[in-house]
């Protein structure tokens, strides 16, 4: 009787762990799919921004730090 109860517990534990593993794998695939779509959307948006009558100014962080440090001296 005791062995039967322990085997049911072990079986339920294994099923629960398999379910959690499937959920984690699903979350990873969902995140990768979402991140891939976000990156392609960003690239498309950048292409649309540069093709119109617009002005895009990009400033690197290092140049800002150099300007700020130079002003303090």
Protein backbone atom coordinates (compact mmCIF):
# COMPACT_ATOMS: atom_id res chain seq x y z
CA UNK A 1 0.00 0.00 0.00
CA UNK A 2 2.78 2.39 0.90
CA UNK A 3 4.65 1.79 -2.34
CA UNK A 4 1.49 2.56 -4.37
CA UNK A 5 0.99 5.91 -2.57
CA UNK A 6 4.65 6.86 -3.13
CA UNK A 7 4.48 5.97 -6.81
CA UNK A 8 1.36 8.14 -7.25
CA UNK A 9 3.18 11.04 -5.59
CA UNK A 10 6.24 10.53 -7.79
CA UNK A 11 4.07 10.31 -10.91
CA UNK A 12 2.21 13.50 -10.00
CA UNK A 13 5.50 15.25 -9.25
CA UNK A 14 6.95 14.21 -12.62
CA UNK A 15 3.84 15.38 -14.47
CA UNK A 16 3.96 18.72 -12.64
CA UNK A 17 7.63 19.20 -13.47
CA UNK A 18 7.02 18.31 -17.13
CA UNK A 19 4.20 20.86 -17.26
CA UNK A 20 6.44 23.54 -15.74
CA UNK A 21 9.19 22.70 -18.24
CA UNK A 22 6.77 23.04 -21.15
CA UNK A 23 5.58 26.40 -19.79
CA UNK A 24 9.17 27.67 -19.47
CA UNK A 25 10.05 26.54 -23.01
CA UNK A 26 6.87 28.19 -24.30
CA UNK A 27 7.78 31.45 -22.56
CA UNK A 28 11.26 31.37 -24.09
CA UNK A 29 9.88 30.84 -27.61
CA UNK A 30 7.28 33.59 -27.06
CA UNK A 31 9.96 36.02 -25.89
CA UNK A 32 12.23 35.22 -28.86
CA UNK A 33 9.30 35.65 -31.28
CA UNK A 34 8.31 38.94 -29.63
CA UNK A 35 11.87 40.27 -29.61
CA UNK A 36 12.36 39.33 -33.27
CA UNK A 37 9.19 41.13 -34.30
CA UNK A 38 10.14 44.19 -32.27
CA UNK A 39 13.52 44.34 -33.98
CA UNK A 40 12.06 44.08 -37.49
CA UNK A 41 9.42 46.70 -36.63
CA UNK A 42 12.16 49.02 -35.40
CA UNK A 43 14.17 48.55 -38.61
CA UNK A 44 11.08 49.25 -40.72
CA UNK A 45 10.33 52.36 -38.68
CA UNK A 46 13.90 53.61 -39.13
CA UNK A 47 13.67 53.07 -42.88
CA UNK A 48 10.39 55.01 -43.03
CA UNK A 49 11.84 57.85 -40.98
CA UNK A 50 14.86 58.35 -43.22
CA UNK A 51 12.92 58.27 -46.51
CA UNK A 52 10.63 61.23 -45.77
CA UNK A 53 11.26 64.93 -45.31
CA UNK A 54 12.73 64.65 -41.87
CA UNK A 55 15.93 65.39 -40.03
CA UNK A 56 17.52 62.71 -37.87
CA UNK A 57 20.24 63.73 -35.42
CA UNK A 58 22.24 61.05 -33.66
CA UNK A 59 24.60 61.93 -30.80
CA UNK A 60 26.89 59.36 -29.24
CA UNK A 61 27.06 59.13 -25.46
CA UNK A 62 30.84 59.40 -25.43
CA UNK A 63 30.75 62.76 -27.20
CA UNK A 64 28.30 64.11 -24.62
CA UNK A 65 30.55 62.90 -21.80
CA UNK A 66 33.56 64.58 -23.44
CA UNK A 67 31.64 67.86 -23.79
CA UNK A 68 30.50 67.77 -20.16
CA UNK A 69 33.95 66.86 -18.87
CA UNK A 70 35.54 69.56 -21.00
CA UNK A 71 33.13 72.18 -19.63
CA UNK A 72 34.02 71.32 -16.03
CA UNK A 73 37.77 71.79 -16.50
